[in-house]
Amino acid sequence: MGGSMLAVRPKQTQSMHTRDGIRLDADVYWPDAPGQFPVLLMRQPYGRAIASTVVYAHPTWYAAHGYIVVIQDVRGRGTSDGTFQLFTDEISDGFDTLDWVAQLPQSSGAIGMYGFSYQGMTQLYAAATRHPALKTICPAMVAYDLYADWAYEGGAFCTQLNLGWATQLAAETARRKGDRQAYTTLYAAAHNLDLSDPVCSHSALLQQLAPESFYHHWLEQPDPDAPYWQALSPQTHLMAVDLPMLHIGGWFDTYLRGTMALYRAIAPRSQYLQHLWVGPWGHLPWSRRTGALDYGATASSPIDATQIRWFDQFLKGQDTGLVAEPPITWFEMGSNHWRSLPQYPIAPAQTFYLHSNGLAGMGDRHGQLIPTATPDSNWAAIPDTIVHDPWRPVPALGGHSTLPSGSFDRAAIDGRSDVLTYTTAPLDAPLSLAGDIRVVVQVEADAPSFDLCAVLSEVFPDGRVMAFSQGYRRVAAAAIPDVEPKGWAIALQPTCIQLAPGNALRLSLSAACFPAYAINGGRGDRPSDSRLMEARIITLTLKTGRNGTLLSLPMQTAQP
């Protein structure tokens, strides 16, 4: 892998200027050896010394494999000059940075980029420039559609994660300004978010201390087609872009839907390799344990070694065997091993319908998940009822949309009367799922707007209920159902898991998941206009039976 390790010189701080005269600072790591080397570039907003070491090896490790590594503070962050405006300048600044790093001493002129989250987004914006020196990128945990993959999910504002991130970035702005009081206040707020009004996502603190924050723009733009989202979304800028890309995600990462959307948009039209790796991780860290489960030693991140192989192939021209390998490598939870797939799973989905005696919220004995192929037509279609009370909303627990993320035992939550549960009989054989999951909920509500939360879990004989996928949907006032008759589709987090014999599969449905998403007040107001005092109790009536709510699962043949 990459040959023998080289010595690395002490890092050097180097500066460049953008086309409008803004100075951008970077740490540069050179191999301590003669000759030319490709460049690995990361552009990030958190202070370049961090260098995404929360999930990646230190830059010196990459440099020791024969690469010049450049970790740059984006405009208005770290020690770089200028004003930070979320994502706004990353296309033009990305192009100028590529120009600069291509001409560094000992640079071969071939550049690759890596990084996750914001550092993944800067790769996409730089790729949009089609700079000839940029040969490949490795975007991890990104948004393809900034609205649907990052700021909102299913039309619901991702309150907890957005507010936490915005507060962190606002604190960095205060630090740069030397405002000790503001920094201290924002630091404390970021570690103990103010969610005293669970219905309104507006932040008085950010309005006071960071009125320029992107958070307010996101909150006031609930329309996915607004020009704001179109201008910033990578999908707008990547139509004509084609590069080898190593796509990286996590089953419990909040931006997995963006990683999947990017891969599925690029791979079918690309003339280059597009590989997709997904591990059993949240946003960070990428370790063997996520939430309450230990997925074994093989779950610890192989991404550093994988990226070196990738860069050796596309920046050094070495044959690392990538061309002969399947394009998709997913970690299968449960069996706890990596699986290789020749394509994104497109096998016909197995559907289950919900059978109930009307008491699915009154204990886990009453609601059943029944395969639609079951030849029994005598079950009555008895509806189930959820009474959503904003005074005591169903809480978030793990998954991808709250912190900490991952799989946790939600047996206590499933015991609430405002959570409907539907469970299969114990499995006779391993059940493997790989791909997209969807629930089409047929429900009526006594309010013009309501929320739907769907969670899939593995139920163990000892009573543990370990969630592995969930999805969320906000139904707006006067919206037309997606699926007739009167069905609302919820896209759950894609997954790859093998459920063990003797265990069971459970679908849980509720009308809240707080504080991951603000509570729906039931009036159809915008997220920034809702008020707790005006929030109403909402009654939802769920249709069950063969013509009612359906769960579609990507069934796979169990792997040996």
Protein backbone atom coordinates (compact mmCIF):
# COMPACT_ATOMS: atom_id res chain seq x y z
CA MET A 1 0.00 0.00 0.00
CA GLY A 2 1.77 3.10 -1.27
CA GLY A 3 5.27 1.56 -0.93
CA SER A 4 7.65 2.26 1.94
CA MET A 5 6.88 5.06 4.38
CA LEU A 6 8.81 8.29 3.94
CA ALA A 7 10.04 10.74 6.55
CA VAL A 8 7.97 13.93 6.74
CA ARG A 9 9.25 17.46 7.22
CA PRO A 10 7.79 19.66 9.97
CA LYS A 11 4.63 21.33 8.72
CA GLN A 12 4.96 24.74 7.16
CA THR A 13 2.34 27.46 7.14
CA GLN A 14 1.83 28.82 3.63
CA SER A 15 -0.50 31.53 2.38
CA MET A 16 -2.16 32.35 -0.93
CA HIS A 17 -4.48 35.08 -2.15
CA THR A 18 -7.80 34.60 -3.90
CA ARG A 19 -8.80 36.50 -7.00
CA ASP A 20 -10.41 39.20 -4.81
CA GLY A 21 -7.32 39.56 -2.62
CA ILE A 22 -8.33 37.48 0.40
CA ARG A 23 -5.46 35.68 2.15
CA LEU A 24 -6.06 31.99 2.86
CA ASP A 25 -3.69 30.14 5.21
CA ALA A 26 -2.76 26.47 5.11
CA ASP A 27 -0.52 23.94 6.79
CA VAL A 28 1.56 22.03 4.26
CA TYR A 29 3.22 18.69 4.95
CA TRP A 30 6.02 17.64 2.58
CA PRO A 31 7.67 14.22 2.36
CA ASP A 32 11.31 14.58 3.31
CA ALA A 33 12.56 13.19 0.02
CA PRO A 34 13.57 14.44 -3.42
CA GLY A 35 11.31 14.29 -6.45
CA GLN A 36 7.75 15.29 -7.23
CA PHE A 37 4.63 14.22 -5.37
CA PRO A 38 0.87 14.49 -5.91
CA VAL A 39 -1.03 16.83 -3.61
CA LEU A 40 -3.85 15.94 -1.22
CA LEU A 41 -6.00 18.95 -0.34
CA MET A 42 -8.49 19.46 2.47
CA ARG A 43 -10.39 22.73 2.89
CA GLN A 44 -12.16 23.13 6.24
CA PRO A 45 -13.70 25.69 8.65
CA TYR A 46 -12.71 24.35 12.09
CA GLY A 47 -9.09 25.42 12.46
CA ARG A 48 -6.66 23.61 10.21
CA ALA A 49 -4.71 21.94 13.03
CA ILE A 50 -7.68 19.60 13.58
CA ALA A 51 -7.38 18.36 9.98
CA SER A 52 -10.43 16.08 10.42
CA THR A 53 -8.41 13.81 12.71
CA VAL A 54 -11.69 12.99 14.46
CA VAL A 55 -12.14 10.39 11.67
CA TYR A 56 -8.95 10.36 9.55
CA ALA A 57 -5.27 9.67 10.21
CA HIS A 58 -3.09 12.72 10.77
CA PRO A 59 -1.82 14.48 7.61
CA THR A 60 1.72 13.31 8.40
CA TRP A 61 0.54 9.72 7.81
CA TYR A 62 -0.71 10.61 4.34
CA ALA A 63 2.46 12.59 3.60
CA ALA A 64 4.58 9.59 4.61
CA HIS A 65 2.90 7.67 1.77
CA GLY A 66 4.38 10.06 -0.76
CA TYR A 67 1.95 12.98 -0.88
CA ILE A 68 2.17 16.70 -0.25
CA VAL A 69 -0.75 17.32 2.11
CA VAL A 70 -2.39 20.75 2.30
CA ILE A 71 -4.90 21.56 5.07
CA GLN A 72 -6.41 24.98 4.43
CA ASP A 73 -8.60 27.28 6.50
CA VAL A 74 -11.47 28.43 4.29
CA ARG A 75 -12.32 32.11 4.00
CA GLY A 76 -13.14 33.69 7.34
CA ARG A 77 -12.12 30.66 9.44
CA GLY A 78 -9.00 29.79 11.39
CA THR A 79 -6.42 32.44 10.52
CA SER A 80 -7.62 33.04 6.96
CA ASP A 81 -8.87 36.51 6.09
CA GLY A 82 -12.31 37.44 4.86
CA THR A 83 -15.88 36.90 5.98
CA PHE A 84 -17.25 33.38 6.37
CA GLN A 85 -20.50 32.84 4.50
CA LEU A 86 -21.59 29.22 4.60
CA PHE A 87 -20.59 27.52 1.31
CA THR A 88 -21.01 30.77 -0.65
CA ASP A 89 -17.36 31.30 -1.68
CA GLU A 90 -16.21 27.70 -1.88
CA ILE A 91 -16.48 27.36 -5.67
CA SER A 92 -14.34 30.36 -6.58
CA ASP A 93 -11.99 29.91 -3.61
CA GLY A 94 -11.71 26.22 -4.42
CA PHE A 95 -10.58 26.97 -7.98
CA ASP A 96 -8.01 29.53 -6.81
CA THR A 97 -6.69 27.09 -4.20
CA LEU A 98 -6.30 24.34 -6.79
CA ASP A 99 -4.32 26.77 -8.95
CA TRP A 100 -2.04 27.50 -6.01
CA VAL A 101 -1.40 23.97 -4.73
CA ALA A 102 -0.71 22.66 -8.22
CA GLN A 103 2.33 24.95 -8.32
CA LEU A 104 3.75 24.21 -4.88
CA PRO A 105 7.41 23.15 -4.80
CA GLN A 106 7.76 19.44 -5.66
CA SER A 107 4.10 19.24 -6.75
CA SER A 108 3.49 16.87 -9.64
CA GLY A 109 0.48 18.99 -10.59
CA ALA A 110 -1.98 16.17 -9.83
CA ILE A 111 -4.39 16.91 -6.98
CA GLY A 112 -6.82 14.81 -4.98
CA MET A 113 -9.13 15.99 -2.22
CA TYR A 114 -10.46 14.28 0.89
CA GLY A 115 -12.51 15.14 3.97
CA PHE A 116 -15.95 14.65 5.49
CA SER A 117 -18.93 16.88 6.25
CA TYR A 118 -18.01 20.50 5.41
CA GLN A 119 -14.70 19.19 4.10
CA GLY A 120 -16.64 16.87 1.83
CA MET A 121 -18.75 19.74 0.56
CA THR A 122 -15.68 21.81 -0.33
CA GLN A 123 -14.60 18.91 -2.55
CA LEU A 124 -17.87 19.02 -4.47
CA TYR A 125 -17.69 22.79 -4.92
CA ALA A 126 -14.08 22.55 -6.09
CA ALA A 127 -14.99 19.74 -8.49
CA ALA A 128 -17.71 21.96 -9.94
CA THR A 129 -14.97 24.25 -11.32
CA ARG A 130 -13.62 21.40 -13.50
CA HIS A 131 -10.07 22.52 -12.74
CA PRO A 132 -7.71 20.36 -14.84
CA ALA A 133 -5.37 19.65 -11.91
CA LEU A 134 -8.10 18.04 -9.79
CA LYS A 135 -7.98 14.36 -10.71
CA THR A 136 -10.12 12.70 -8.03
CA ILE A 137 -12.09 13.38 -4.84
CA CYS A 138 -13.19 11.31 -1.84
CA PRO A 139 -16.34 13.06 -0.52
CA ALA A 140 -17.59 11.67 2.78
CA MET A 141 -20.91 12.42 4.48
CA VAL A 142 -22.15 15.21 2.22
CA ALA A 143 -25.34 16.74 0.88
CA TYR A 144 -26.22 16.48 -2.80
CA ASP A 145 -29.39 18.53 -2.28
CA LEU A 146 -28.59 20.93 0.56
CA TYR A 147 -32.26 21.28 1.54
CA ALA A 148 -33.32 17.63 1.51
CA ASP A 149 -30.02 16.02 2.53
CA TRP A 150 -28.85 18.40 5.25
CA ALA A 151 -31.11 21.19 6.48
CA TYR A 152 -34.46 19.39 6.33
CA GLU A 153 -35.59 15.77 6.32
CA GLY A 154 -38.94 14.87 4.86
CA GLY A 155 -39.87 18.55 5.04
CA ALA A 156 -39.04 18.79 8.77
CA PHE A 157 -36.31 21.15 9.96
CA CYS A 158 -33.46 19.20 11.61
CA THR A 159 -33.50 21.38 14.71
CA GLN A 160 -31.02 19.79 17.10
CA LEU A 161 -28.18 19.16 14.65
CA ASN A 162 -28.63 22.43 12.75
CA LEU A 163 -28.78 24.51 15.92
CA GLY A 164 -25.77 22.79 17.44
CA TRP A 165 -23.68 23.27 14.31
CA ALA A 166 -24.74 26.88 13.84
CA THR A 167 -23.88 27.66 17.47
CA GLN A 168 -20.44 26.06 17.05
CA LEU A 169 -19.69 28.13 13.94
CA ALA A 170 -20.99 31.29 15.62
CA ALA A 171 -18.66 30.66 18.55
CA GLU A 172 -15.72 30.47 16.16
CA THR A 173 -16.76 33.81 14.64
CA ALA A 174 -16.84 35.34 18.12
CA ARG A 175 -13.41 33.91 18.89
CA ARG A 176 -11.95 35.45 15.73
CA LYS A 177 -13.42 38.81 16.73
CA GLY A 178 -11.91 38.53 20.20
CA ASP A 179 -15.36 38.74 21.83
CA ARG A 180 -14.70 36.71 24.97
CA GLN A 181 -18.18 37.05 26.43
CA ALA A 182 -19.95 36.02 23.23
CA TYR A 183 -17.57 33.09 22.74
CA THR A 184 -18.06 31.84 26.29
CA THR A 185 -21.83 32.15 26.00
CA LEU A 186 -21.98 30.38 22.65
CA TYR A 187 -19.58 27.64 23.77
CA ALA A 188 -21.82 26.89 26.74
CA ALA A 189 -24.93 27.02 24.54
CA ALA A 190 -23.45 24.61 22.00
CA HIS A 191 -22.92 22.04 24.75
CA ASN A 192 -26.37 22.58 26.27
CA LEU A 193 -28.76 23.69 23.55
CA ASP A 194 -31.67 25.93 24.48
CA LEU A 195 -34.74 23.96 23.43
CA SER A 196 -37.12 25.64 25.85
CA ASP A 197 -39.58 26.26 23.02
CA PRO A 198 -39.81 22.83 21.38
CA VAL A 199 -42.23 24.02 18.71
CA CYS A 200 -40.39 27.09 17.41
CA SER A 201 -36.88 26.49 16.10
CA HIS A 202 -35.99 30.18 16.22
CA SER A 203 -32.91 30.94 18.33
CA ALA A 204 -32.99 34.23 20.21
CA LEU A 205 -29.37 33.67 21.24
CA LEU A 206 -28.13 33.32 17.67
CA GLN A 207 -30.25 36.26 16.60
CA GLN A 208 -28.57 38.35 19.29
CA LEU A 209 -24.96 37.15 19.02
CA ALA A 210 -24.79 35.92 15.41
CA PRO A 211 -27.44 37.68 13.33
CA GLU A 212 -25.47 36.82 10.18
CA SER A 213 -25.69 33.06 10.87
CA PHE A 214 -26.90 30.78 8.09
CA TYR A 215 -29.28 29.23 10.64
CA HIS A 216 -31.85 31.98 10.19
CA HIS A 217 -31.74 31.68 6.39
CA TRP A 218 -32.28 27.93 6.62
CA LEU A 219 -35.18 28.32 9.03
CA GLU A 220 -36.91 30.93 6.90
CA GLN A 221 -36.60 28.91 3.67
CA PRO A 222 -38.94 25.91 4.13
CA ASP A 223 -39.58 25.71 0.37
CA PRO A 224 -37.22 23.16 -1.25
CA ASP A 225 -37.46 24.99 -4.58
CA ALA A 226 -36.37 28.36 -3.20
CA PRO A 227 -33.52 30.02 -5.14
CA TYR A 228 -31.43 29.97 -1.95
CA TRP A 229 -31.23 26.16 -2.00
CA GLN A 230 -30.77 25.93 -5.74
CA ALA A 231 -27.81 28.31 -5.64
CA LEU A 232 -25.95 26.41 -2.89
CA SER A 233 -26.85 22.77 -3.60
CA PRO A 234 -24.01 20.76 -5.18
CA GLN A 235 -26.47 19.07 -7.53
CA THR A 236 -26.92 22.42 -9.28
CA HIS A 237 -23.20 22.62 -10.05
CA LEU A 238 -22.22 19.01 -10.79
CA MET A 239 -24.23 18.33 -13.95
CA ALA A 240 -21.17 18.39 -16.25
CA VAL A 241 -18.62 17.13 -13.73
CA ASP A 242 -17.06 13.68 -14.07
CA LEU A 243 -14.18 12.52 -11.86
CA PRO A 244 -13.24 9.29 -10.12
CA MET A 245 -14.96 9.53 -6.73
CA LEU A 246 -14.72 7.46 -3.58
CA HIS A 247 -18.02 8.02 -1.76
CA ILE A 248 -18.05 7.39 2.01
CA GLY A 249 -20.97 7.20 4.43
CA GLY A 250 -22.26 5.72 7.69
CA TRP A 251 -25.50 3.88 8.44
CA PHE A 252 -26.16 6.26 11.34
CA ASP A 253 -24.83 9.42 9.70
CA THR A 254 -27.33 12.24 9.37
CA TYR A 255 -26.14 12.97 5.82
CA LEU A 256 -26.28 9.40 4.48
CA ARG A 257 -29.15 10.28 2.18
CA GLY A 258 -26.87 12.87 0.56
CA THR A 259 -24.02 10.38 0.14
CA MET A 260 -26.40 7.90 -1.47
CA ALA A 261 -28.00 10.53 -3.70
CA LEU A 262 -24.63 11.76 -4.95
CA TYR A 263 -23.42 8.24 -5.74
CA ARG A 264 -26.64 7.27 -7.50
CA ALA A 265 -26.58 10.47 -9.55
CA ILE A 266 -22.94 10.23 -10.63
CA ALA A 267 -22.28 6.49 -11.00
CA PRO A 268 -24.65 5.70 -13.91
CA ARG A 269 -23.25 8.47 -16.12
CA SER A 270 -19.59 8.44 -15.12
CA GLN A 271 -16.81 7.16 -17.36
CA TYR A 272 -14.62 6.78 -14.25
CA LEU A 273 -14.68 4.54 -11.20
CA GLN A 274 -17.27 5.42 -8.60
CA HIS A 275 -16.94 3.41 -5.40
CA LEU A 276 -19.20 3.59 -2.36
CA TRP A 277 -18.19 2.54 1.16
CA VAL A 278 -20.66 2.65 4.07
CA GLY A 279 -19.71 1.61 7.59
CA PRO A 280 -21.75 1.15 10.80
CA TRP A 281 -20.88 4.67 11.94
CA GLY A 282 -22.50 7.90 12.95
CA HIS A 283 -21.07 11.22 11.80
CA LEU A 284 -18.10 10.62 14.09
CA PRO A 285 -16.13 8.72 15.18
CA TRP A 286 -15.77 5.88 12.66
CA SER A 287 -15.09 3.17 15.20
CA ARG A 288 -16.32 -0.33 16.02
CA ARG A 289 -18.89 0.91 18.53
CA THR A 290 -21.78 3.16 17.55
CA GLY A 291 -24.43 3.79 20.14
CA ALA A 292 -24.88 0.79 22.43
CA LEU A 293 -23.59 -1.86 20.01
CA ASP A 294 -20.09 -3.13 19.31
CA TYR A 295 -19.82 -4.23 15.67
CA GLY A 296 -16.45 -5.92 16.11
CA ALA A 297 -12.87 -5.16 15.18
CA THR A 298 -13.53 -5.14 11.42
CA ALA A 299 -15.93 -2.21 11.87
CA SER A 300 -13.09 0.15 12.78
CA SER A 301 -12.51 2.47 9.88
CA PRO A 302 -10.56 1.08 6.90
CA ILE A 303 -10.98 4.40 5.09
CA ASP A 304 -7.43 5.75 5.49
CA ALA A 305 -5.91 2.67 3.85
CA THR A 306 -8.69 2.67 1.24
CA GLN A 307 -8.00 6.30 0.36
CA ILE A 308 -4.28 5.65 -0.08
CA ARG A 309 -5.10 2.87 -2.54
CA TRP A 310 -7.49 5.21 -4.30
CA PHE A 311 -5.00 8.07 -4.55
CA ASP A 312 -2.18 5.74 -5.61
CA GLN A 313 -4.42 4.59 -8.46
CA PHE A 314 -5.55 8.00 -9.70
CA LEU A 315 -2.71 10.33 -8.73
CA LYS A 316 0.31 8.06 -9.12
CA GLY A 317 -0.93 5.83 -11.91
CA GLN A 318 -0.40 2.61 -9.94
CA ASP A 319 -2.58 -0.44 -10.49
CA THR A 320 -3.98 -1.04 -7.02
CA GLY A 321 -6.61 -3.53 -8.17
CA LEU A 322 -9.54 -1.15 -7.80
CA VAL A 323 -10.77 -1.63 -11.36
CA ALA A 324 -11.41 -5.34 -10.75
CA GLU A 325 -13.29 -4.82 -7.48
CA PRO A 326 -17.07 -4.44 -7.01
CA PRO A 327 -18.03 -0.77 -6.73
CA ILE A 328 -19.97 -1.02 -3.46
CA THR A 329 -18.62 -2.13 -0.08
CA TRP A 330 -21.11 -2.07 2.77
CA PHE A 331 -20.79 -3.19 6.36
CA GLU A 332 -23.55 -5.65 7.20
CA MET A 333 -24.61 -5.09 10.78
CA GLY A 334 -25.61 -8.18 12.69
CA SER A 335 -23.28 -10.53 10.84
CA ASN A 336 -20.65 -7.80 11.35
CA HIS A 337 -18.67 -8.18 8.14
CA TRP A 338 -18.07 -6.14 4.99
CA ARG A 339 -20.07 -7.10 1.92
CA SER A 340 -19.20 -6.33 -1.71
CA LEU A 341 -22.03 -5.58 -4.12
CA PRO A 342 -21.86 -5.25 -7.92
CA GLN A 343 -24.45 -2.46 -7.93
CA TYR A 344 -26.82 -0.56 -5.69
CA PRO A 345 -29.43 -3.13 -4.54
CA ILE A 346 -32.45 -3.05 -6.81
CA ALA A 347 -34.08 -6.35 -5.86
CA PRO A 348 -37.90 -6.24 -5.60
CA ALA A 349 -38.96 -5.12 -2.15
CA GLN A 350 -40.87 -7.38 0.20
CA THR A 351 -43.95 -5.63 1.57
CA PHE A 352 -45.51 -6.08 4.98
CA TYR A 353 -48.82 -4.76 6.14
CA LEU A 354 -49.94 -3.86 9.63
CA HIS A 355 -52.40 -6.05 11.52
CA SER A 356 -53.90 -4.79 14.77
CA ASN A 357 -56.81 -5.19 17.15
CA GLY A 358 -56.79 -1.41 17.59
CA LEU A 359 -54.48 -1.53 20.61
CA ALA A 360 -51.05 -1.28 18.94
CA GLY A 361 -50.22 1.62 21.26
CA MET A 362 -51.12 -0.30 24.39
CA GLY A 363 -48.35 -2.88 24.46
CA ASP A 364 -46.28 -4.93 22.05
CA ARG A 365 -48.70 -7.90 21.96
CA HIS A 366 -51.30 -6.24 19.78
CA GLY A 367 -49.67 -5.04 16.56
CA GLN A 368 -48.23 -7.41 13.97
CA LEU A 369 -46.17 -7.08 10.79
CA ILE A 370 -47.57 -9.53 8.27
CA PRO A 371 -45.98 -10.34 4.88
CA THR A 372 -48.40 -9.39 2.14
CA ALA A 373 -48.00 -12.86 0.62
CA THR A 374 -49.59 -14.49 3.68
CA PRO A 375 -52.67 -16.35 2.37
CA ASP A 376 -55.09 -15.29 5.07
CA SER A 377 -57.78 -12.76 4.24
CA ASN A 378 -59.78 -12.93 7.45
CA TRP A 379 -58.01 -10.24 9.42
CA ALA A 380 -60.14 -7.20 10.05
CA ALA A 381 -58.75 -3.78 9.17
CA ILE A 382 -59.08 -2.20 12.64
CA PRO A 383 -57.51 1.29 12.80
CA ASP A 384 -55.04 2.40 15.45
CA THR A 385 -54.96 5.83 17.09
CA ILE A 386 -52.13 8.13 18.12
CA VAL A 387 -52.84 11.08 20.40
CA HIS A 388 -49.88 13.42 20.10
CA ASP A 389 -49.51 15.75 23.10
CA PRO A 390 -46.96 18.58 22.69
CA TRP A 391 -46.58 18.58 26.49
CA ARG A 392 -44.93 15.14 26.39
CA PRO A 393 -43.59 14.50 22.89
CA VAL A 394 -42.06 11.18 21.89
CA PRO A 395 -38.31 11.62 22.49
CA ALA A 396 -35.50 11.04 20.03
CA LEU A 397 -33.11 8.20 20.81
CA GLY A 398 -30.06 7.45 18.69
CA GLY A 399 -30.54 6.79 15.02
CA HIS A 400 -29.09 9.34 12.58
CA SER A 401 -30.90 12.51 13.55
CA THR A 402 -29.83 13.16 17.13
CA LEU A 403 -26.80 12.92 19.38
CA PRO A 404 -25.50 10.50 20.42
CA SER A 405 -26.24 8.58 17.24
CA GLY A 406 -26.37 4.84 16.69
CA SER A 407 -28.40 1.89 17.89
CA PHE A 408 -29.93 2.03 21.36
CA ASP A 409 -32.55 0.02 23.23
CA ARG A 410 -35.86 1.79 22.66
CA ALA A 411 -38.04 -0.70 24.53
CA ALA A 412 -39.15 1.97 27.00
CA ILE A 413 -40.13 4.37 24.22
CA ASP A 414 -42.06 1.62 22.44
CA GLY A 415 -43.99 1.14 25.66
CA ARG A 416 -45.57 4.60 25.36
CA SER A 417 -49.23 4.77 24.35
CA ASP A 418 -48.48 7.38 21.66
CA VAL A 419 -46.13 4.95 19.87
CA LEU A 420 -47.69 2.24 17.73
CA THR A 421 -45.65 -0.95 17.39
CA TYR A 422 -46.00 -3.76 14.86
CA THR A 423 -43.78 -6.84 15.22
CA THR A 424 -43.17 -9.97 13.16
CA ALA A 425 -43.14 -13.45 14.60
CA PRO A 426 -39.67 -14.64 15.64
CA LEU A 427 -37.60 -15.32 12.55
CA ASP A 428 -37.00 -18.90 11.48
CA ALA A 429 -33.91 -17.96 9.45
CA PRO A 430 -31.56 -15.00 9.11
CA LEU A 431 -33.21 -11.97 7.49
CA SER A 432 -30.87 -9.79 5.41
CA LEU A 433 -31.85 -6.28 4.38
CA ALA A 434 -29.76 -4.09 2.09
CA GLY A 435 -30.88 -0.87 0.43
CA ASP A 436 -33.78 1.55 0.61
CA ILE A 437 -36.68 1.29 3.08
CA ARG A 438 -40.04 2.97 2.72
CA VAL A 439 -43.26 3.14 4.70
CA VAL A 440 -46.46 4.41 3.12
CA VAL A 441 -48.65 5.54 6.00
CA GLN A 442 -52.39 5.83 5.48
CA VAL A 443 -53.55 8.16 8.20
CA GLU A 444 -56.11 10.84 8.93
CA ALA A 445 -55.52 13.69 11.34
CA ASP A 446 -57.70 16.30 13.02
CA ALA A 447 -55.12 19.03 12.35
CA PRO A 448 -53.99 20.70 9.12
CA SER A 449 -50.38 19.64 9.72
CA PHE A 450 -48.77 16.71 11.52
CA ASP A 451 -45.55 14.72 11.70
CA LEU A 452 -44.82 11.04 11.20
CA CYS A 453 -41.81 9.18 12.57
CA ALA A 454 -41.06 5.59 11.54
CA VAL A 455 -38.41 3.42 13.24
CA LEU A 456 -37.27 -0.11 12.40
CA SER A 457 -35.77 -2.24 15.17
CA GLU A 458 -34.54 -5.74 15.87
CA VAL A 459 -36.35 -7.27 18.85
CA PHE A 460 -34.34 -9.73 20.93
CA PRO A 461 -35.75 -12.53 23.11
CA ASP A 462 -34.44 -10.77 26.23
CA GLY A 463 -36.67 -7.77 25.48
CA ARG A 464 -34.13 -5.42 23.93
CA VAL A 465 -35.41 -3.38 21.00
CA MET A 466 -32.37 -2.19 19.04
CA ALA A 467 -33.26 0.42 16.41
CA PHE A 468 -31.31 0.36 13.14
CA SER A 469 -33.18 2.69 10.76
CA GLN A 470 -35.62 5.55 10.98
CA GLY A 471 -37.27 8.25 8.88
CA TYR A 472 -39.28 11.39 9.43
CA ARG A 473 -41.94 13.30 7.52
CA ARG A 474 -43.74 16.60 8.05
CA VAL A 475 -47.10 16.73 6.36
CA ALA A 476 -47.85 20.33 5.48
CA ALA A 477 -51.21 21.99 5.56
CA ALA A 478 -53.42 21.12 2.56
CA ALA A 479 -50.79 18.76 1.13
CA ILE A 480 -51.88 16.13 -1.36
CA PRO A 481 -51.01 12.54 -0.37
CA ASP A 482 -48.08 10.99 -2.24
CA VAL A 483 -49.74 7.63 -2.77
CA GLU A 484 -53.39 6.88 -3.30
CA PRO A 485 -55.52 6.26 -1.43
CA LYS A 486 -54.38 8.87 1.09
CA GLY A 487 -50.88 7.61 1.76
CA TRP A 488 -47.84 9.50 3.00
CA ALA A 489 -44.44 8.06 2.06
CA ILE A 490 -41.62 8.09 4.62
CA ALA A 491 -38.11 7.31 3.36
CA LEU A 492 -36.17 5.60 6.13
CA GLN A 493 -32.41 5.57 6.39
CA PRO A 494 -30.95 2.99 3.97
CA THR A 495 -29.40 0.03 5.73
CA CYS A 496 -27.45 -3.20 5.47
CA ILE A 497 -28.21 -5.59 8.32
CA GLN A 498 -28.77 -9.26 9.03
CA LEU A 499 -31.35 -10.05 11.71
CA ALA A 500 -30.67 -13.25 13.61
CA PRO A 501 -33.01 -16.28 13.81
CA GLY A 502 -35.17 -16.12 16.91
CA ASN A 503 -35.26 -12.31 16.81
CA ALA A 504 -38.09 -10.26 15.32
CA LEU A 505 -38.51 -7.16 13.18
CA ARG A 506 -40.50 -4.21 14.52
CA LEU A 507 -41.94 -1.05 12.98
CA SER A 508 -42.72 1.78 15.42
CA LEU A 509 -44.80 4.79 14.39
CA SER A 510 -45.24 8.07 16.25
CA ALA A 511 -45.97 11.75 15.65
CA ALA A 512 -42.80 13.29 17.14
CA CYS A 513 -39.06 12.75 17.59
CA PHE A 514 -37.93 15.60 19.80
CA PRO A 515 -35.46 17.34 19.90
CA ALA A 516 -34.18 15.96 16.59
CA TYR A 517 -37.04 17.83 14.94
CA ALA A 518 -39.18 20.61 16.37
CA ILE A 519 -42.61 19.52 17.54
CA ASN A 520 -45.31 20.12 14.97
CA GLY A 521 -47.76 22.60 16.47
CA GLY A 522 -50.52 21.33 14.19
CA ARG A 523 -51.33 24.69 12.60
CA GLY A 524 -49.20 24.50 9.47
CA ASP A 525 -47.02 27.47 10.45
CA ARG A 526 -43.47 27.91 9.18
CA PRO A 527 -40.80 26.53 11.57
CA SER A 528 -39.78 30.06 12.53
CA ASP A 529 -43.35 31.19 13.23
CA SER A 530 -44.70 28.33 15.38
CA ARG A 531 -45.37 28.95 19.06
CA LEU A 532 -45.57 26.49 21.93
CA MET A 533 -48.67 28.11 23.48
CA GLU A 534 -50.50 27.62 20.18
CA ALA A 535 -49.51 23.99 19.73
CA ARG A 536 -52.49 21.67 19.67
CA ILE A 537 -53.08 18.08 20.63
CA ILE A 538 -53.31 16.07 17.42
CA THR A 539 -55.21 12.82 16.96
CA LEU A 540 -54.10 10.58 14.13
CA THR A 541 -56.05 7.55 12.95
CA LEU A 542 -53.91 4.98 11.20
CA LYS A 543 -55.41 2.57 8.70
CA THR A 544 -54.22 -1.04 9.03
CA GLY A 545 -55.00 -4.22 7.15
CA ARG A 546 -54.30 -5.28 3.58
CA ASN A 547 -55.34 -1.90 2.14
CA GLY A 548 -53.72 0.16 4.86
CA THR A 549 -50.21 1.21 5.79
CA LEU A 550 -47.42 -0.73 4.04
CA LEU A 551 -43.74 -1.30 4.89
CA SER A 552 -41.42 -2.04 1.94
CA LEU A 553 -38.11 -3.74 2.76
CA PRO A 554 -35.11 -4.49 0.51
CA MET A 555 -34.87 -8.23 1.21
CA GLN A 556 -31.58 -9.91 0.34
CA THR A 557 -30.39 -13.48 0.25
CA ALA A 558 -28.64 -14.19 3.54
CA GLN A 559 -24.88 -14.26 3.13
CA PRO A 560 -22.85 -17.21 4.45
